[in-house]
Amino acid sequence: MPSPPPSPVPHGRTGRPPVTSRAQILTAARRLIDRDGWEKLTVRRLAAETGIGATTMYHHIRGKDDLLVLLLNSYVDEIERPPLPDDPRERILTAATAMHDALASWPWAAEILSADGFVGLLDESALWMVDAIVGGARDHGCAPAQTVGVFRDIWYYTVGEVLVRAHSARARDNNEHPAYREIFDATRVPHLAAVAHLWAEEAARDSYPRGLRALVDGLLAQTTPTDSPGTD
């Protein structure tokens, strides 16, 4: 009796079943980003990580930019929404703090979203923090253009704070961060020289909540007297 034909030799990556769903692809992409950074994420590397061909991968995603947007939408959907206060100012502070904390947990998202126009990329379900800030400004009495300005100013402050802290932490981890100078030429920069010894301590302090409150109060104080809450 003839022997059965030998089993075909498997091709490609072995030891991990191939990915067949978008959710699995996003999980693998997040794993790659956490390990290597978002800049090194490519469809080809993701295909190798998941064990499926790049051609098959394109049935699920259109490319890297599409993948990053899907990741961001998925990430925001996982964030627990805090109760939003009725008071417009407190609603803005709550939403902005939630936005800050989400970005601080995943700083690469702040880098991707650091260009104007990102609001048009995300799903409505991922924009609740933006909507809460704009709505809070509107209910306070800001005109439509002012509500956009309130959000953009808060956004710039928040992204800047997150990225500075993330880059500083990365530099420290890589032993690249320079020591803070404590001595300056007082004849040339007298005010800086007077506070230089305080710089490292103050830089380590979490000043975001204080700065956010001051920023929001200043922005809302600019509401013109002719504006009335809830009007367009």
Protein backbone atom coordinates (compact mmCIF):
# COMPACT_ATOMS: atom_id res chain seq x y z
CA MET A 1 0.00 0.00 0.00
CA PRO A 2 1.57 3.27 -1.11
CA SER A 3 2.48 5.82 1.54
CA PRO A 4 0.32 8.95 1.77
CA PRO A 5 1.79 12.02 0.07
CA PRO A 6 3.85 14.22 2.35
CA SER A 7 2.08 17.17 3.94
CA PRO A 8 2.74 20.42 2.12
CA VAL A 9 5.46 22.56 3.65
CA PRO A 10 3.88 25.66 5.22
CA HIS A 11 4.92 28.99 3.80
CA GLY A 12 5.31 32.28 5.61
CA ARG A 13 5.24 32.92 9.30
CA THR A 14 4.37 29.95 11.53
CA GLY A 15 3.42 29.67 15.16
CA ARG A 16 0.70 32.33 15.09
CA PRO A 17 -2.65 31.96 13.31
CA PRO A 18 -3.27 34.50 10.57
CA VAL A 19 -5.32 37.59 11.38
CA THR A 20 -8.72 37.71 9.77
CA SER A 21 -10.50 40.71 11.30
CA ARG A 22 -9.97 44.45 11.44
CA ALA A 23 -10.07 44.36 15.24
CA GLN A 24 -7.16 41.90 15.29
CA ILE A 25 -5.25 44.08 12.84
CA LEU A 26 -5.72 47.14 15.06
CA THR A 27 -4.58 45.18 18.11
CA ALA A 28 -1.43 44.12 16.26
CA ALA A 29 -0.83 47.69 15.06
CA ARG A 30 -1.08 49.04 18.60
CA ARG A 31 1.39 46.39 19.72
CA LEU A 32 3.84 47.50 17.03
CA ILE A 33 3.43 51.18 17.92
CA ASP A 34 3.94 50.54 21.62
CA ARG A 35 7.07 48.56 20.83
CA ASP A 36 8.69 50.47 17.97
CA GLY A 37 6.92 53.83 17.69
CA TRP A 38 4.25 54.98 15.23
CA GLU A 39 6.79 56.35 12.75
CA LYS A 40 7.99 52.81 11.99
CA LEU A 41 4.53 51.41 11.45
CA THR A 42 4.02 50.29 7.84
CA VAL A 43 1.50 48.01 6.19
CA ARG A 44 4.30 45.64 5.20
CA ARG A 45 5.61 45.38 8.78
CA LEU A 46 2.10 44.92 10.07
CA ALA A 47 1.50 42.16 7.55
CA ALA A 48 4.62 40.37 8.75
CA GLU A 49 3.55 40.80 12.37
CA THR A 50 0.08 39.38 11.77
CA GLY A 51 1.10 36.58 9.43
CA ILE A 52 -0.94 37.61 6.39
CA GLY A 53 0.13 39.06 3.08
CA ALA A 54 0.22 42.76 2.38
CA THR A 55 -2.30 42.29 -0.44
CA THR A 56 -4.77 40.70 1.95
CA MET A 57 -4.10 43.47 4.46
CA TYR A 58 -5.31 46.05 1.96
CA HIS A 59 -8.72 44.39 1.99
CA HIS A 60 -9.07 45.68 5.56
CA ILE A 61 -7.23 49.02 5.40
CA ARG A 62 -6.38 51.46 2.62
CA GLY A 63 -2.92 52.38 3.88
CA LYS A 64 -0.96 53.73 6.82
CA ASP A 65 -2.93 56.98 7.14
CA ASP A 66 -6.21 55.07 7.12
CA LEU A 67 -4.80 52.66 9.70
CA LEU A 68 -3.77 55.48 12.04
CA VAL A 69 -7.21 57.08 11.87
CA LEU A 70 -8.85 53.72 12.60
CA LEU A 71 -6.53 53.30 15.56
CA LEU A 72 -7.38 56.73 16.93
CA ASN A 73 -11.12 56.17 16.57
CA SER A 74 -10.80 52.80 18.29
CA TYR A 75 -8.68 54.26 21.09
CA VAL A 76 -11.09 57.09 21.85
CA ASP A 77 -14.02 54.66 21.86
CA GLU A 78 -12.31 52.80 24.71
CA ILE A 79 -12.01 55.90 26.90
CA GLU A 80 -14.56 56.11 29.67
CA ARG A 81 -16.56 59.32 29.33
CA PRO A 82 -16.73 61.35 32.53
CA PRO A 83 -20.04 62.96 33.49
CA LEU A 84 -20.19 66.39 31.87
CA PRO A 85 -21.29 69.18 34.25
CA ASP A 86 -24.12 71.51 33.33
CA ASP A 87 -21.99 74.57 34.09
CA PRO A 88 -20.33 75.58 30.79
CA ARG A 89 -16.95 76.43 32.31
CA GLU A 90 -16.77 73.19 34.29
CA ARG A 91 -17.87 71.22 31.22
CA ILE A 92 -15.00 72.69 29.22
CA LEU A 93 -12.50 71.91 31.99
CA THR A 94 -13.77 68.34 32.33
CA ALA A 95 -13.63 67.62 28.59
CA ALA A 96 -10.22 69.25 28.17
CA THR A 97 -8.81 67.27 31.08
CA ALA A 98 -10.16 64.03 29.61
CA MET A 99 -8.55 64.96 26.29
CA HIS A 100 -5.24 65.69 28.00
CA ASP A 101 -5.25 62.44 29.95
CA ALA A 102 -6.05 60.40 26.84
CA LEU A 103 -3.19 61.98 24.91
CA ALA A 104 -0.78 61.64 27.83
CA SER A 105 -1.49 57.89 27.92
CA TRP A 106 -0.79 57.60 24.19
CA PRO A 107 1.45 60.56 23.22
CA TRP A 108 1.94 59.37 19.64
CA ALA A 109 -1.70 60.28 19.03
CA ALA A 110 -0.88 63.90 19.86
CA GLU A 111 1.87 63.88 17.23
CA ILE A 112 -0.47 62.53 14.56
CA LEU A 113 -3.19 65.03 15.44
CA SER A 114 -0.87 68.02 15.80
CA ALA A 115 -1.92 69.52 12.44
CA ASP A 116 -5.06 71.62 11.98
CA GLY A 117 -7.89 69.79 10.29
CA PHE A 118 -7.67 66.54 12.22
CA VAL A 119 -11.30 66.97 13.34
CA GLY A 120 -12.35 66.09 9.81
CA LEU A 121 -10.56 62.74 10.00
CA LEU A 122 -12.19 61.25 13.09
CA ASP A 123 -15.59 59.66 13.52
CA GLU A 124 -18.29 61.60 15.33
CA SER A 125 -18.11 59.11 18.21
CA ALA A 126 -14.46 60.07 18.75
CA LEU A 127 -15.18 63.81 18.80
CA TRP A 128 -17.23 64.04 21.99
CA MET A 129 -14.48 65.94 23.83
CA VAL A 130 -14.25 68.49 21.03
CA ASP A 131 -18.03 68.84 20.93
CA ALA A 132 -18.21 69.30 24.72
CA ILE A 133 -15.66 72.12 24.64
CA VAL A 134 -17.33 73.88 21.71
CA GLY A 135 -20.75 73.41 23.30
CA GLY A 136 -19.53 74.71 26.65
CA ALA A 137 -18.16 77.83 25.01
CA ARG A 138 -21.43 78.33 23.13
CA ASP A 139 -23.53 77.94 26.26
CA HIS A 140 -21.29 80.45 28.03
CA GLY A 141 -22.22 83.00 25.38
CA CYS A 142 -19.43 82.78 22.83
CA ALA A 143 -20.27 83.49 19.22
CA PRO A 144 -19.73 80.60 16.77
CA ALA A 145 -16.31 81.81 15.66
CA GLN A 146 -15.30 82.28 19.29
CA THR A 147 -16.25 78.69 20.15
CA VAL A 148 -13.84 77.45 17.50
CA GLY A 149 -11.14 79.74 18.87
CA VAL A 150 -11.70 78.51 22.42
CA PHE A 151 -11.21 74.91 21.35
CA ARG A 152 -8.16 75.64 19.19
CA ASP A 153 -6.41 77.56 21.95
CA ILE A 154 -7.10 74.79 24.47
CA TRP A 155 -5.97 72.22 21.92
CA TYR A 156 -2.68 73.98 21.24
CA TYR A 157 -1.96 74.30 24.95
CA THR A 158 -2.86 70.65 25.61
CA VAL A 159 -0.92 69.13 22.73
CA GLY A 160 2.10 71.27 23.48
CA GLU A 161 2.14 70.21 27.13
CA VAL A 162 1.72 66.51 26.26
CA LEU A 163 4.44 66.51 23.61
CA VAL A 164 6.97 68.44 25.69
CA ARG A 165 6.56 66.01 28.59
CA ALA A 166 6.61 62.95 26.32
CA HIS A 167 9.74 64.06 24.47
CA SER A 168 11.44 65.01 27.73
CA ALA A 169 10.68 61.61 29.25
CA ARG A 170 11.95 59.84 26.13
CA ALA A 171 15.16 61.86 26.20
CA ARG A 172 15.70 61.03 29.86
CA ASP A 173 15.14 57.34 29.19
CA ASN A 174 17.79 57.51 26.48
CA ASN A 175 20.16 59.57 28.66
CA GLU A 176 19.94 62.39 26.14
CA HIS A 177 18.34 65.07 28.29
CA PRO A 178 20.74 67.90 29.15
CA ALA A 179 21.03 69.05 32.74
CA TYR A 180 19.16 72.23 33.57
CA ARG A 181 21.49 75.20 33.74
CA GLU A 182 21.57 76.93 37.09
CA ILE A 183 24.06 79.67 36.27
CA PHE A 184 23.51 82.40 33.66
CA ASP A 185 25.23 85.68 32.98
CA ALA A 186 23.16 88.07 35.09
CA THR A 187 24.42 91.06 33.12
CA ARG A 188 22.80 89.70 29.97
CA VAL A 189 19.75 87.76 31.21
CA PRO A 190 19.19 89.03 34.76
CA HIS A 191 15.66 87.72 35.25
CA LEU A 192 16.54 84.22 34.00
CA ALA A 193 19.63 84.15 36.19
CA ALA A 194 17.52 84.96 39.25
CA VAL A 195 15.23 81.94 38.83
CA ALA A 196 17.53 79.43 37.12
CA HIS A 197 17.94 77.37 40.30
CA LEU A 198 14.15 76.83 40.38
CA TRP A 199 13.78 75.67 36.79
CA ALA A 200 14.17 71.90 37.22
CA GLU A 201 11.75 71.75 40.16
CA GLU A 202 9.10 73.82 38.41
CA ALA A 203 9.49 71.91 35.15
CA ALA A 204 8.74 68.66 36.97
CA ARG A 205 5.56 70.05 38.51
CA ASP A 206 2.22 69.12 36.95
CA SER A 207 1.02 72.58 36.05
CA TYR A 208 -1.52 71.59 33.39
CA PRO A 209 -4.67 71.90 35.57
CA ARG A 210 -3.67 75.34 36.83
CA GLY A 211 -2.73 76.55 33.38
CA LEU A 212 -5.91 75.12 31.87
CA ARG A 213 -8.13 76.97 34.36
CA ALA A 214 -6.30 80.22 33.74
CA LEU A 215 -6.52 79.77 29.98
CA VAL A 216 -10.23 78.90 29.99
CA ASP A 217 -11.07 81.82 32.30
CA GLY A 218 -9.15 84.19 30.06
CA LEU A 219 -10.82 82.91 26.90
CA LEU A 220 -14.32 83.02 28.33
CA ALA A 221 -13.71 86.52 29.67
CA GLN A 222 -13.32 87.70 26.07
CA THR A 223 -16.95 86.90 25.27
CA THR A 224 -18.50 90.08 23.89
CA PRO A 225 -21.43 91.60 25.83
CA THR A 226 -23.69 91.36 22.78
CA ASP A 227 -23.42 87.57 22.71
CA SER A 228 -26.11 85.65 24.55
CA PRO A 229 -25.98 81.96 25.55
CA GLY A 230 -27.38 79.55 23.02
CA THR A 231 -27.55 81.97 20.07
CA ASP A 232 -25.94 81.54 16.68
